[in-house]
Protein backbone atom coordinates (compact mmCIF):
# COMPACT_ATOMS: atom_id res chain seq x y z
CA MET A 1 -9.56 10.19 5.97
CA PRO A 2 -6.41 8.57 4.99
CA GLU A 3 -6.15 5.13 2.72
CA THR A 4 -6.50 1.81 4.87
CA LYS A 5 -2.90 0.25 4.81
CA LYS A 6 -2.60 -3.54 5.32
CA VAL A 7 0.29 -5.33 7.55
CA LYS A 8 2.56 -6.22 4.39
CA GLU A 9 3.10 -2.73 3.85
CA LEU A 10 4.49 -1.66 7.44
CA MET A 11 5.79 -4.73 8.30
CA VAL A 12 9.55 -5.76 8.67
CA PRO A 13 9.82 -8.71 6.73
CA ILE A 14 11.17 -12.11 8.44
CA SER A 15 14.95 -11.97 6.48
CA GLU A 16 15.62 -8.38 8.24
CA TYR A 17 14.73 -9.15 11.49
CA PRO A 18 17.22 -10.91 14.39
CA ILE A 19 16.35 -14.69 14.39
CA VAL A 20 17.34 -17.11 16.84
CA TYR A 21 16.35 -21.27 17.53
CA ASN A 22 14.73 -22.17 20.49
CA THR A 23 17.65 -24.64 21.12
CA ASP A 24 20.57 -21.46 21.14
CA THR A 25 21.41 -20.21 24.35
CA LEU A 26 20.62 -16.86 25.77
CA ASN A 27 24.67 -15.93 24.58
CA ASP A 28 23.63 -16.70 21.13
CA ALA A 29 20.78 -14.76 21.13
CA ILE A 30 22.99 -11.76 23.00
CA LYS A 31 25.80 -12.02 19.98
CA VAL A 32 22.89 -12.26 17.02
CA LEU A 33 21.01 -9.14 18.68
CA LYS A 34 24.71 -7.04 19.04
CA THR A 35 25.29 -8.05 15.37
CA TYR A 36 21.75 -6.25 14.29
CA HIS A 37 22.62 -3.31 16.78
CA VAL A 38 25.97 -3.11 15.16
CA GLU A 39 24.53 -2.93 11.12
CA SER A 40 22.40 0.18 12.94
CA LYS A 41 19.18 -1.80 12.74
CA GLU A 42 16.96 -1.10 16.04
CA HIS A 43 15.56 -4.59 17.45
CA ARG A 44 14.59 -4.91 20.98
CA SER A 45 13.62 -8.47 20.11
CA MET A 46 14.17 -11.56 18.29
CA ILE A 47 12.02 -14.25 16.25
CA VAL A 48 12.16 -17.56 17.71
CA LEU A 49 12.32 -20.23 15.38
CA LYS A 50 11.70 -23.94 16.05
CA ARG A 51 12.91 -26.69 13.68
CA GLU A 52 10.37 -29.44 12.96
CA GLY A 53 11.13 -32.33 10.52
CA THR A 54 12.78 -30.40 7.27
CA GLY A 55 10.72 -27.41 7.99
CA GLU A 56 10.80 -24.30 10.67
CA LYS A 57 7.78 -22.90 12.73
CA LEU A 58 7.32 -19.89 14.50
CA ALA A 59 7.75 -20.82 18.36
CA GLY A 60 7.96 -17.15 19.87
CA ILE A 61 9.17 -13.74 20.17
CA LEU A 62 12.71 -13.39 22.40
CA THR A 63 12.87 -9.89 23.98
CA VAL A 64 15.80 -7.65 25.60
CA ARG A 65 13.39 -7.88 28.93
CA ASP A 66 13.14 -11.57 28.84
CA ILE A 67 16.86 -12.34 28.39
CA LEU A 68 17.51 -9.83 31.22
CA ASN A 69 14.46 -12.13 33.65
CA ALA A 70 16.16 -15.19 32.60
CA ILE A 71 19.47 -13.82 33.92
CA LYS A 72 17.59 -12.64 36.95
CA ARG A 73 16.00 -16.08 37.57
CA LYS A 74 19.43 -17.76 37.17
CA THR A 75 21.38 -15.28 39.91
CA VAL A 76 18.31 -15.34 42.90
CA SER A 77 20.92 -16.32 45.38
CA TYR A 78 21.64 -12.45 44.82
CA ASP A 79 19.48 -9.81 46.33
CA GLY A 80 18.30 -6.96 44.16
CA ASN A 81 21.23 -4.20 45.78
CA GLU A 82 24.06 -7.14 45.62
CA LEU A 83 23.55 -7.89 42.32
CA PHE A 84 23.64 -4.31 40.87
CA ALA A 85 25.90 -2.75 43.11
CA MET A 86 28.92 -5.47 42.30
CA SER A 87 30.99 -4.80 39.28
CA TRP A 88 29.46 -7.19 36.36
CA SER A 89 33.46 -8.37 36.03
CA ARG A 90 33.24 -9.97 39.27
CA PHE A 91 30.02 -11.28 39.14
CA TYR A 92 30.77 -13.39 35.56
CA HIS A 93 33.74 -14.67 37.22
CA LYS A 94 31.49 -15.79 40.01
CA GLY A 95 29.55 -18.19 37.60
CA SER A 96 26.09 -17.33 37.82
CA LEU A 97 26.63 -14.51 34.72
CA GLY A 98 28.12 -17.24 33.00
CA ASN A 99 25.72 -20.17 33.56
CA SER A 100 22.72 -17.84 32.91
CA VAL A 101 23.77 -17.14 29.63
CA THR A 102 24.24 -20.78 28.81
CA THR A 103 20.03 -20.98 29.91
CA LYS A 104 18.30 -22.13 26.02
CA VAL A 105 16.09 -19.89 24.52
CA GLU A 106 13.27 -22.03 24.98
CA ASP A 107 13.41 -21.28 28.54
CA ALA A 108 13.55 -17.58 28.30
CA ILE A 109 10.52 -16.66 25.48
CA ARG A 110 7.53 -15.56 25.41
CA PRO A 111 5.51 -18.46 23.65
CA LEU A 112 3.22 -17.60 21.13
CA VAL A 113 -0.79 -17.90 21.78
CA THR A 114 -2.95 -16.23 19.67
CA GLU A 115 -1.59 -12.09 19.07
CA PHE A 116 -0.66 -12.36 15.27
CA VAL A 117 -1.98 -11.01 12.32
CA GLN A 118 -1.77 -11.88 8.65
CA THR A 119 -0.18 -9.80 5.93
CA GLU A 120 -3.75 -8.80 4.32
CA GLN A 121 -5.00 -7.79 7.32
CA ASP A 122 -5.69 -4.22 7.68
CA VAL A 123 -3.15 -2.15 9.98
CA SER A 124 -6.07 -1.24 12.40
CA ASP A 125 -6.37 -4.76 13.01
CA ALA A 126 -2.67 -4.45 14.35
CA ILE A 127 -3.21 -1.89 16.50
CA ARG A 128 -6.51 -2.87 18.09
CA ILE A 129 -4.63 -6.82 19.05
CA MET A 130 -1.53 -4.38 20.50
CA MET A 131 -3.19 -2.24 22.15
CA THR A 132 -6.02 -4.26 23.73
CA LYS A 133 -3.10 -6.91 24.61
CA ASN A 134 -0.37 -4.29 25.63
CA ILE A 135 2.07 -5.38 23.28
CA ASN A 136 4.14 -3.49 21.07
CA ILE A 137 4.95 -6.26 18.52
CA LEU A 138 3.42 -8.83 16.85
CA PRO A 139 4.34 -12.02 14.21
CA VAL A 140 2.93 -11.45 10.70
CA PHE A 141 2.03 -14.96 8.86
CA GLU A 142 1.32 -15.71 5.37
CA GLY A 143 -1.07 -18.37 5.77
CA GLU A 144 0.67 -20.40 8.37
CA LYS A 145 4.29 -19.45 6.95
CA PRO A 146 5.87 -16.59 9.36
CA VAL A 147 7.20 -13.98 7.01
CA GLY A 148 7.72 -10.91 9.27
CA ILE A 149 6.92 -8.40 12.10
CA ILE A 150 4.99 -5.45 12.88
CA ARG A 151 5.83 -3.28 15.76
CA ALA A 152 4.40 -0.40 17.55
CA ILE A 153 7.04 1.98 16.01
CA ASP A 154 6.55 0.70 12.43
CA ILE A 155 2.85 1.62 12.80
CA LEU A 156 3.36 4.97 14.80
CA ASP A 157 3.30 7.40 11.46
CA TYR A 158 -0.10 5.53 10.72
CA ILE A 159 -1.74 5.89 14.02
CA GLY A 160 -0.71 9.70 13.22
CA GLU A 161 -2.30 10.05 10.19
CA LEU A 162 -5.81 8.66 11.40
CA LEU A 163 -6.19 11.17 14.17
């Protein structure tokens, strides 16, 4: 049986993960995600922080799917076929895409509920949460401070060791 690993051994530190604030726009979030993609980092989500007084608190997770869903909600005047048949440049010039990316991140994020892990928890706890909640990413805390993210892809090798 392989040695049990702690979440902190497999997590991506918060300093290496894309971060936006709840008051940023989706346009800002897209730019941040593109910057990380250019740096050869494969991220499909980002951490959303909220400023509280002199500190910061984790507000949620913003995924690529959340961004696309927010754009879709702002363009309900188009049916699905028309939206995807038209050129994106024409769509942008009509104003709908431009207006949708000015949406605030806080209006598109997945708010945190109870799905998170602590650095000292066993990776098996993260696996159990991911499988039971049908999610692929979990915020990692040390006490009350967000310190990283653990993704399903980060623990895939570990799952292989357990089999």
